[in-house]
């Protein structure tokens, strides 16, 4: 192979990864007892976890990333059926024959080959434990007094990566089940009223179950500085703001 062909071949391999990097996504890396956990913040309620050589996509939505340029999924988790969380156009490019797709009950017919997990149930995939927990509205209501997210319609997830426990709340308010969580290292709490929580609700929940790191996410135009102010004197909880509108 001459030098020009070799150069072109290298460029062809590198370009997809360079394009992804140029999208300026943010990521954080956490040390666990079994290696690094990398969290990529794609936007809104959309996240990607990498751990032990496995990739977990959570609520992939094509509005927030070009999934043709992202790693294939070992696991896909869907919190609920709303289109800003369940997007078949984002799921298709990251599916393989071995991908496990785990969804809340109302999503069971939306993704071919998916398996439903209900609140309180556990699944263990390789070295990751996935626990479904409740996610629903108590206060904010839509038409005719129906909650934007009725109880039983969606999941949050607690993911255990070795000695680190990560809570991704889904679309919910500061419900009792959330406040009773234990030993959460990293928490993602939605902050987009009236559909999810106000900054005051997020602070109330965080003060109750005390995650070591708190990320507000799915926050739209909500002023994140309000949460920072509410949490400024709370010991043991670090609030991190990322691009998660």
C-alpha atoms as a PDB file:
ATOM      1  CA  UNK A   1       0.000   0.000   0.000  1.00  0.00           C
ATOM      2  CA  UNK A   2       1.483   3.350  -0.990  1.00  0.00           C
ATOM      3  CA  UNK A   3       1.681   6.267   1.444  1.00  0.00           C
ATOM      4  CA  UNK A   4      -1.364   8.051  -0.005  1.00  0.00           C
ATOM      5  CA  UNK A   5      -3.586   4.997   0.327  1.00  0.00           C
ATOM      6  CA  UNK A   6      -2.334   4.398   3.859  1.00  0.00           C
ATOM      7  CA  UNK A   7      -3.094   8.011   4.795  1.00  0.00           C
ATOM      8  CA  UNK A   8      -6.595   7.808   3.315  1.00  0.00           C
ATOM      9  CA  UNK A   9      -7.260   4.566   5.170  1.00  0.00           C
ATOM     10  CA  UNK A  10      -6.259   6.120   8.498  1.00  0.00           C
ATOM     11  CA  UNK A  11      -8.458   9.154   7.812  1.00  0.00           C
ATOM     12  CA  UNK A  12     -11.436   6.882   7.061  1.00  0.00           C
ATOM     13  CA  UNK A  13     -10.993   5.136  10.404  1.00  0.00           C
ATOM     14  CA  UNK A  14     -10.516   8.289  12.434  1.00  0.00           C
ATOM     15  CA  UNK A  15     -13.206  10.545  10.958  1.00  0.00           C
ATOM     16  CA  UNK A  16     -16.250   8.966  12.706  1.00  0.00           C
ATOM     17  CA  UNK A  17     -14.584   9.317  16.095  1.00  0.00           C
ATOM     18  CA  UNK A  18     -13.384  12.837  15.338  1.00  0.00           C
ATOM     19  CA  UNK A  19     -16.892  13.873  14.307  1.00  0.00           C
ATOM     20  CA  UNK A  20     -18.250  12.554  17.592  1.00  0.00           C
ATOM     21  CA  UNK A  21     -15.551  14.428  19.535  1.00  0.00           C
ATOM     22  CA  UNK A  22     -16.316  17.651  17.681  1.00  0.00           C
ATOM     23  CA  UNK A  23     -19.874  17.582  18.963  1.00  0.00           C
ATOM     24  CA  UNK A  24     -18.346  18.774  22.248  1.00  0.00           C
ATOM     25  CA  UNK A  25     -20.124  16.282  24.446  1.00  0.00           C
ATOM     26  CA  UNK A  26     -19.101  16.287  28.076  1.00  0.00           C
ATOM     27  CA  UNK A  27     -18.035  13.234  30.022  1.00  0.00           C
ATOM     28  CA  UNK A  28     -16.962  12.392  33.548  1.00  0.00           C
ATOM     29  CA  UNK A  29     -14.955   9.397  34.723  1.00  0.00           C
ATOM     30  CA  UNK A  30     -15.452   7.759  38.116  1.00  0.00           C
ATOM     31  CA  UNK A  31     -13.084   5.244  39.672  1.00  0.00           C
ATOM     32  CA  UNK A  32     -14.688   2.003  40.847  1.00  0.00           C
ATOM     33  CA  UNK A  33     -13.230  -1.083  42.473  1.00  0.00           C
ATOM     34  CA  UNK A  34     -13.414  -2.817  39.072  1.00  0.00           C
ATOM     35  CA  UNK A  35     -12.116  -0.070  36.795  1.00  0.00           C
ATOM     36  CA  UNK A  36     -13.341   3.204  35.365  1.00  0.00           C
ATOM     37  CA  UNK A  37     -16.980   4.144  34.845  1.00  0.00           C
ATOM     38  CA  UNK A  38     -17.322   6.724  32.075  1.00  0.00           C
ATOM     39  CA  UNK A  39     -20.508   8.774  31.801  1.00  0.00           C
ATOM     40  CA  UNK A  40     -21.180  10.715  28.602  1.00  0.00           C
ATOM     41  CA  UNK A  41     -23.760  13.508  28.824  1.00  0.00           C
ATOM     42  CA  UNK A  42     -25.516  13.593  25.465  1.00  0.00           C
ATOM     43  CA  UNK A  43     -28.359  15.937  26.397  1.00  0.00           C
ATOM     44  CA  UNK A  44     -31.759  16.189  28.088  1.00  0.00           C
ATOM     45  CA  UNK A  45     -32.435  12.713  29.539  1.00  0.00           C
ATOM     46  CA  UNK A  46     -29.955  10.920  27.282  1.00  0.00           C
ATOM     47  CA  UNK A  47     -26.820   9.313  28.724  1.00  0.00           C
ATOM     48  CA  UNK A  48     -24.184   6.757  27.777  1.00  0.00           C
ATOM     49  CA  UNK A  49     -22.251   4.635  30.295  1.00  0.00           C
ATOM     50  CA  UNK A  50     -19.092   2.657  29.557  1.00  0.00           C
ATOM     51  CA  UNK A  51     -17.848   0.124  32.087  1.00  0.00           C
ATOM     52  CA  UNK A  52     -15.768  -3.024  31.790  1.00  0.00           C
ATOM     53  CA  UNK A  53     -15.747  -2.789  28.016  1.00  0.00           C
ATOM     54  CA  UNK A  54     -19.555  -2.660  27.876  1.00  0.00           C
ATOM     55  CA  UNK A  55     -21.705   0.228  26.634  1.00  0.00           C
ATOM     56  CA  UNK A  56     -25.079   1.115  28.149  1.00  0.00           C
ATOM     57  CA  UNK A  57     -27.246   3.674  26.353  1.00  0.00           C
ATOM     58  CA  UNK A  58     -30.007   5.233  28.435  1.00  0.00           C
ATOM     59  CA  UNK A  59     -33.008   6.868  26.727  1.00  0.00           C
ATOM     60  CA  UNK A  60     -31.253   7.322  23.363  1.00  0.00           C
ATOM     61  CA  UNK A  61     -32.864  10.120  21.335  1.00  0.00           C
ATOM     62  CA  UNK A  62     -31.645  11.180  17.890  1.00  0.00           C
ATOM     63  CA  UNK A  63     -32.257  14.865  18.625  1.00  0.00           C
ATOM     64  CA  UNK A  64     -29.332  14.838  21.050  1.00  0.00           C
ATOM     65  CA  UNK A  65     -26.735  12.747  19.220  1.00  0.00           C
ATOM     66  CA  UNK A  66     -25.888  11.147  15.889  1.00  0.00           C
ATOM     67  CA  UNK A  67     -26.169   7.507  16.897  1.00  0.00           C
ATOM     68  CA  UNK A  68     -24.551   6.298  13.682  1.00  0.00           C
ATOM     69  CA  UNK A  69     -21.305   7.670  15.157  1.00  0.00           C
ATOM     70  CA  UNK A  70     -21.689   6.265  18.663  1.00  0.00           C
ATOM     71  CA  UNK A  71     -20.596   2.870  19.984  1.00  0.00           C
ATOM     72  CA  UNK A  72     -22.978  -0.035  19.588  1.00  0.00           C
ATOM     73  CA  UNK A  73     -25.013  -0.890  22.659  1.00  0.00           C
ATOM     74  CA  UNK A  74     -24.567  -3.890  24.882  1.00  0.00           C
ATOM     75  CA  UNK A  75     -27.577  -2.661  26.855  1.00  0.00           C
ATOM     76  CA  UNK A  76     -30.270  -0.077  26.115  1.00  0.00           C
ATOM     77  CA  UNK A  77     -32.443   1.193  28.972  1.00  0.00           C
ATOM     78  CA  UNK A  78     -35.699   3.084  28.389  1.00  0.00           C
ATOM     79  CA  UNK A  79     -37.370   4.882  31.292  1.00  0.00           C
ATOM     80  CA  UNK A  80     -40.784   5.533  29.696  1.00  0.00           C
ATOM     81  CA  UNK A  81     -42.702   5.932  26.459  1.00  0.00           C
ATOM     82  CA  UNK A  82     -42.539   9.697  25.836  1.00  0.00           C
ATOM     83  CA  UNK A  83     -40.830  10.548  22.565  1.00  0.00           C
ATOM     84  CA  UNK A  84     -38.051  12.545  24.232  1.00  0.00           C
ATOM     85  CA  UNK A  85     -37.009   9.278  25.919  1.00  0.00           C
ATOM     86  CA  UNK A  86     -38.083   6.566  23.472  1.00  0.00           C
ATOM     87  CA  UNK A  87     -36.881   7.084  19.893  1.00  0.00           C
ATOM     88  CA  UNK A  88     -36.644   4.067  17.558  1.00  0.00           C
ATOM     89  CA  UNK A  89     -34.561   6.144  15.109  1.00  0.00           C
ATOM     90  CA  UNK A  90     -31.860   6.424  17.752  1.00  0.00           C
ATOM     91  CA  UNK A  91     -32.123   2.800  18.835  1.00  0.00           C
ATOM     92  CA  UNK A  92     -31.753   1.196  15.398  1.00  0.00           C
ATOM     93  CA  UNK A  93     -28.148   2.332  14.672  1.00  0.00           C
ATOM     94  CA  UNK A  94     -26.799   1.033  17.990  1.00  0.00           C
ATOM     95  CA  UNK A  95     -28.532  -2.351  18.009  1.00  0.00           C
ATOM     96  CA  UNK A  96     -26.667  -5.602  17.468  1.00  0.00           C
ATOM     97  CA  UNK A  97     -27.849  -9.194  17.648  1.00  0.00           C
ATOM     98  CA  UNK A  98     -26.578  -9.310  21.222  1.00  0.00           C
ATOM     99  CA  UNK A  99     -27.981  -5.987  22.506  1.00  0.00           C
ATOM    100  CA  UNK A 100     -30.241  -6.302  25.533  1.00  0.00           C
ATOM    101  CA  UNK A 101     -33.073  -3.759  25.435  1.00  0.00           C
ATOM    102  CA  UNK A 102     -34.763  -3.239  28.799  1.00  0.00           C
ATOM    103  CA  UNK A 103     -37.850  -1.048  28.996  1.00  0.00           C
ATOM    104  CA  UNK A 104     -40.616   0.175  31.284  1.00  0.00           C
ATOM    105  CA  UNK A 105     -43.901  -1.677  30.854  1.00  0.00           C
ATOM    106  CA  UNK A 106     -45.686   0.809  28.512  1.00  0.00           C
ATOM    107  CA  UNK A 107     -42.754   0.539  26.072  1.00  0.00           C
ATOM    108  CA  UNK A 108     -42.956  -3.231  25.730  1.00  0.00           C
ATOM    109  CA  UNK A 109     -44.377  -3.220  22.203  1.00  0.00           C
ATOM    110  CA  UNK A 110     -42.347  -0.278  20.919  1.00  0.00           C
ATOM    111  CA  UNK A 111     -38.955  -1.986  20.539  1.00  0.00           C
ATOM    112  CA  UNK A 112     -38.729  -5.415  18.964  1.00  0.00           C
ATOM    113  CA  UNK A 113     -37.053  -7.947  21.201  1.00  0.00           C
ATOM    114  CA  UNK A 114     -37.160  -5.794  24.315  1.00  0.00           C
ATOM    115  CA  UNK A 115     -37.791  -7.123  27.803  1.00  0.00           C
ATOM    116  CA  UNK A 116     -39.961  -5.373  30.370  1.00  0.00           C
ATOM    117  CA  UNK A 117     -38.699  -4.651  33.850  1.00  0.00           C
ATOM    118  CA  UNK A 118     -41.157  -3.508  36.514  1.00  0.00           C
ATOM    119  CA  UNK A 119     -40.521  -1.448  39.612  1.00  0.00           C
ATOM    120  CA  UNK A 120     -38.788  -3.532  42.252  1.00  0.00           C
ATOM    121  CA  UNK A 121     -37.350  -6.019  39.777  1.00  0.00           C
ATOM    122  CA  UNK A 122     -33.654  -6.684  39.195  1.00  0.00           C
ATOM    123  CA  UNK A 123     -31.643  -7.798  36.204  1.00  0.00           C
ATOM    124  CA  UNK A 124     -27.948  -8.609  36.267  1.00  0.00           C
ATOM    125  CA  UNK A 125     -26.099  -8.272  32.976  1.00  0.00           C
ATOM    126  CA  UNK A 126     -22.454  -9.271  33.146  1.00  0.00           C
ATOM    127  CA  UNK A 127     -21.105  -7.227  36.069  1.00  0.00           C
ATOM    128  CA  UNK A 128     -23.856  -4.595  36.161  1.00  0.00           C
ATOM    129  CA  UNK A 129     -26.962  -4.839  38.331  1.00  0.00           C
ATOM    130  CA  UNK A 130     -30.023  -2.978  37.057  1.00  0.00           C
ATOM    131  CA  UNK A 131     -32.853  -2.255  39.470  1.00  0.00           C
ATOM    132  CA  UNK A 132     -36.093  -0.603  38.359  1.00  0.00           C
ATOM    133  CA  UNK A 133     -37.537   1.924  40.796  1.00  0.00           C
ATOM    134  CA  UNK A 134     -40.705   4.045  40.666  1.00  0.00           C
ATOM    135  CA  UNK A 135     -40.950   7.301  38.708  1.00  0.00           C
ATOM    136  CA  UNK A 136     -44.120   9.395  38.741  1.00  0.00           C
ATOM    137  CA  UNK A 137     -45.730  12.768  39.484  1.00  0.00           C
ATOM    138  CA  UNK A 138     -47.408  13.614  42.768  1.00  0.00           C
ATOM    139  CA  UNK A 139     -48.106  17.321  42.255  1.00  0.00           C
ATOM    140  CA  UNK A 140     -47.865  18.379  38.625  1.00  0.00           C
ATOM    141  CA  UNK A 141     -50.902  17.398  36.583  1.00  0.00           C
ATOM    142  CA  UNK A 142     -51.857  17.588  32.932  1.00  0.00           C
ATOM    143  CA  UNK A 143     -55.309  17.674  31.403  1.00  0.00           C
ATOM    144  CA  UNK A 144     -58.259  16.617  33.534  1.00  0.00           C
ATOM    145  CA  UNK A 145     -56.045  16.283  36.593  1.00  0.00           C
ATOM    146  CA  UNK A 146     -54.087  13.335  35.219  1.00  0.00           C
ATOM    147  CA  UNK A 147     -50.408  13.328  36.285  1.00  0.00           C
ATOM    148  CA  UNK A 148     -47.912  14.013  33.518  1.00  0.00           C
ATOM    149  CA  UNK A 149     -46.322  10.718  34.548  1.00  0.00           C
ATOM    150  CA  UNK A 150     -48.796   8.437  36.343  1.00  0.00           C
ATOM    151  CA  UNK A 151     -47.538   5.918  38.860  1.00  0.00           C
ATOM    152  CA  UNK A 152     -46.595   2.667  37.145  1.00  0.00           C
ATOM    153  CA  UNK A 153     -46.049   4.200  33.722  1.00  0.00           C
ATOM    154  CA  UNK A 154     -42.287   4.652  33.936  1.00  0.00           C
ATOM    155  CA  UNK A 155     -39.113   3.573  35.667  1.00  0.00           C
ATOM    156  CA  UNK A 156     -36.094   5.096  37.237  1.00  0.00           C
ATOM    157  CA  UNK A 157     -33.016   2.877  37.396  1.00  0.00           C
ATOM    158  CA  UNK A 158     -30.376   2.179  40.007  1.00  0.00           C
ATOM    159  CA  UNK A 159     -27.291   0.799  38.276  1.00  0.00           C
ATOM    160  CA  UNK A 160     -24.569  -0.869  40.315  1.00  0.00           C
ATOM    161  CA  UNK A 161     -21.090  -0.777  38.783  1.00  0.00           C
ATOM    162  CA  UNK A 162     -18.836  -2.653  41.217  1.00  0.00           C
ATOM    163  CA  UNK A 163     -18.817  -0.424  44.321  1.00  0.00           C
ATOM    164  CA  UNK A 164     -20.594   2.538  42.691  1.00  0.00           C
ATOM    165  CA  UNK A 165     -24.373   2.973  42.644  1.00  0.00           C
ATOM    166  CA  UNK A 166     -25.850   5.305  40.040  1.00  0.00           C
ATOM    167  CA  UNK A 167     -29.461   6.476  40.189  1.00  0.00           C
ATOM    168  CA  UNK A 168     -31.100   7.772  37.020  1.00  0.00           C
ATOM    169  CA  UNK A 169     -34.514   8.980  38.099  1.00  0.00           C
ATOM    170  CA  UNK A 170     -36.388   9.197  34.806  1.00  0.00           C
ATOM    171  CA  UNK A 171     -39.337  11.586  34.710  1.00  0.00           C
ATOM    172  CA  UNK A 172     -40.525  11.918  38.277  1.00  0.00           C
ATOM    173  CA  UNK A 173     -40.968  14.182  41.268  1.00  0.00           C
ATOM    174  CA  UNK A 174     -39.473  13.867  44.743  1.00  0.00           C
ATOM    175  CA  UNK A 175     -41.518  10.808  45.599  1.00  0.00           C
ATOM    176  CA  UNK A 176     -41.194   8.869  48.883  1.00  0.00           C
ATOM    177  CA  UNK A 177     -39.463   5.946  47.166  1.00  0.00           C
ATOM    178  CA  UNK A 178     -36.732   8.315  45.977  1.00  0.00           C
ATOM    179  CA  UNK A 179     -36.181   9.782  49.416  1.00  0.00           C
ATOM    180  CA  UNK A 180     -35.752   6.272  50.827  1.00  0.00           C
ATOM    181  CA  UNK A 181     -32.892   5.328  48.510  1.00  0.00           C
ATOM    182  CA  UNK A 182     -29.673   4.290  50.224  1.00  0.00           C
ATOM    183  CA  UNK A 183     -25.968   4.443  49.362  1.00  0.00           C
ATOM    184  CA  UNK A 184     -26.305   6.335  46.083  1.00  0.00           C
ATOM    185  CA  UNK A 185     -22.982   7.602  44.784  1.00  0.00           C
ATOM    186  CA  UNK A 186     -24.211   9.412  41.668  1.00  0.00           C
ATOM    187  CA  UNK A 187     -27.733  10.706  41.019  1.00  0.00           C
ATOM    188  CA  UNK A 188     -29.430  12.186  37.975  1.00  0.00           C
ATOM    189  CA  UNK A 189     -32.571  14.099  38.950  1.00  0.00           C
ATOM    190  CA  UNK A 190     -34.879  15.756  36.388  1.00  0.00           C
ATOM    191  CA  UNK A 191     -35.573  19.452  36.912  1.00  0.00           C
ATOM    192  CA  UNK A 192     -38.042  20.658  34.298  1.00  0.00           C
ATOM    193  CA  UNK A 193     -41.327  21.886  35.851  1.00  0.00           C
ATOM    194  CA  UNK A 194     -44.172  21.312  35.429  1.00  0.00           C
ATOM    195  CA  UNK A 195     -43.345  17.941  33.897  1.00  0.00           C
ATOM    196  CA  UNK A 196     -40.837  16.905  36.545  1.00  0.00           C
ATOM    197  CA  UNK A 197     -39.261  18.690  39.533  1.00  0.00           C
ATOM    198  CA  UNK A 198     -38.675  22.266  40.540  1.00  0.00           C
ATOM    199  CA  UNK A 199     -35.210  23.130  41.930  1.00  0.00           C
ATOM    200  CA  UNK A 200     -36.807  23.074  45.372  1.00  0.00           C
ATOM    201  CA  UNK A 201     -38.060  19.526  44.819  1.00  0.00           C
ATOM    202  CA  UNK A 202     -34.646  18.373  43.600  1.00  0.00           C
ATOM    203  CA  UNK A 203     -32.976  19.897  46.658  1.00  0.00           C
ATOM    204  CA  UNK A 204     -35.559  18.337  48.969  1.00  0.00           C
ATOM    205  CA  UNK A 205     -34.887  14.880  47.532  1.00  0.00           C
ATOM    206  CA  UNK A 206     -31.110  15.276  47.499  1.00  0.00           C
ATOM    207  CA  UNK A 207     -31.086  16.385  51.140  1.00  0.00           C
ATOM    208  CA  UNK A 208     -33.043  13.230  52.011  1.00  0.00           C
ATOM    209  CA  UNK A 209     -30.996  10.505  50.296  1.00  0.00           C
ATOM    210  CA  UNK A 210     -27.665  12.358  50.021  1.00  0.00           C
ATOM    211  CA  UNK A 211     -26.020  11.238  46.766  1.00  0.00           C
ATOM    212  CA  UNK A 212     -22.299  11.972  46.742  1.00  0.00           C
ATOM    213  CA  UNK A 213     -22.589  13.578  43.295  1.00  0.00           C
ATOM    214  CA  UNK A 214     -25.806  15.176  42.049  1.00  0.00           C
ATOM    215  CA  UNK A 215     -26.449  15.993  38.401  1.00  0.00           C
ATOM    216  CA  UNK A 216     -29.639  17.860  37.548  1.00  0.00           C
ATOM    217  CA  UNK A 217     -30.656  16.707  34.086  1.00  0.00           C
ATOM    218  CA  UNK A 218     -33.570  17.091  31.687  1.00  0.00           C
ATOM    219  CA  UNK A 219     -33.730  20.698  32.892  1.00  0.00           C
ATOM    220  CA  UNK A 220     -34.736  22.659  29.771  1.00  0.00           C
ATOM    221  CA  UNK A 221     -34.698  26.373  30.553  1.00  0.00           C
ATOM    222  CA  UNK A 222     -34.775  25.919  34.341  1.00  0.00           C
ATOM    223  CA  UNK A 223     -32.208  28.101  36.090  1.00  0.00           C
ATOM    224  CA  UNK A 224     -29.668  25.652  37.505  1.00  0.00           C
ATOM    225  CA  UNK A 225     -28.173  28.378  39.719  1.00  0.00           C
ATOM    226  CA  UNK A 226     -31.267  28.075  41.915  1.00  0.00           C
ATOM    227  CA  UNK A 227     -30.338  24.506  42.737  1.00  0.00           C
ATOM    228  CA  UNK A 228     -26.745  25.455  43.414  1.00  0.00           C
ATOM    229  CA  UNK A 229     -27.966  28.086  45.864  1.00  0.00           C
ATOM    230  CA  UNK A 230     -30.341  25.665  47.596  1.00  0.00           C
ATOM    231  CA  UNK A 231     -27.572  23.084  48.004  1.00  0.00           C
ATOM    232  CA  UNK A 232     -24.659  25.369  48.872  1.00  0.00           C
ATOM    233  CA  UNK A 233     -24.706  24.543  52.595  1.00  0.00           C
ATOM    234  CA  UNK A 234     -25.489  20.836  52.234  1.00  0.00           C
ATOM    235  CA  UNK A 235     -22.500  18.782  53.296  1.00  0.00           C
ATOM    236  CA  UNK A 236     -21.514  15.630  51.423  1.00  0.00           C
ATOM    237  CA  UNK A 237     -23.348  16.353  48.150  1.00  0.00           C
ATOM    238  CA  UNK A 238     -21.422  17.768  45.192  1.00  0.00           C
ATOM    239  CA  UNK A 239     -23.664  19.355  42.548  1.00  0.00           C
ATOM    240  CA  UNK A 240     -22.337  19.193  39.002  1.00  0.00           C
ATOM    241  CA  UNK A 241     -23.948  21.024  36.096  1.00  0.00           C
ATOM    242  CA  UNK A 242     -23.564  19.551  32.612  1.00  0.00           C
ATOM    243  CA  UNK A 243     -25.148  20.294  29.224  1.00  0.00           C
ATOM    244  CA  UNK A 244     -28.360  18.374  29.827  1.00  0.00           C
ATOM    245  CA  UNK A 245     -31.145  20.700  28.643  1.00  0.00           C
END
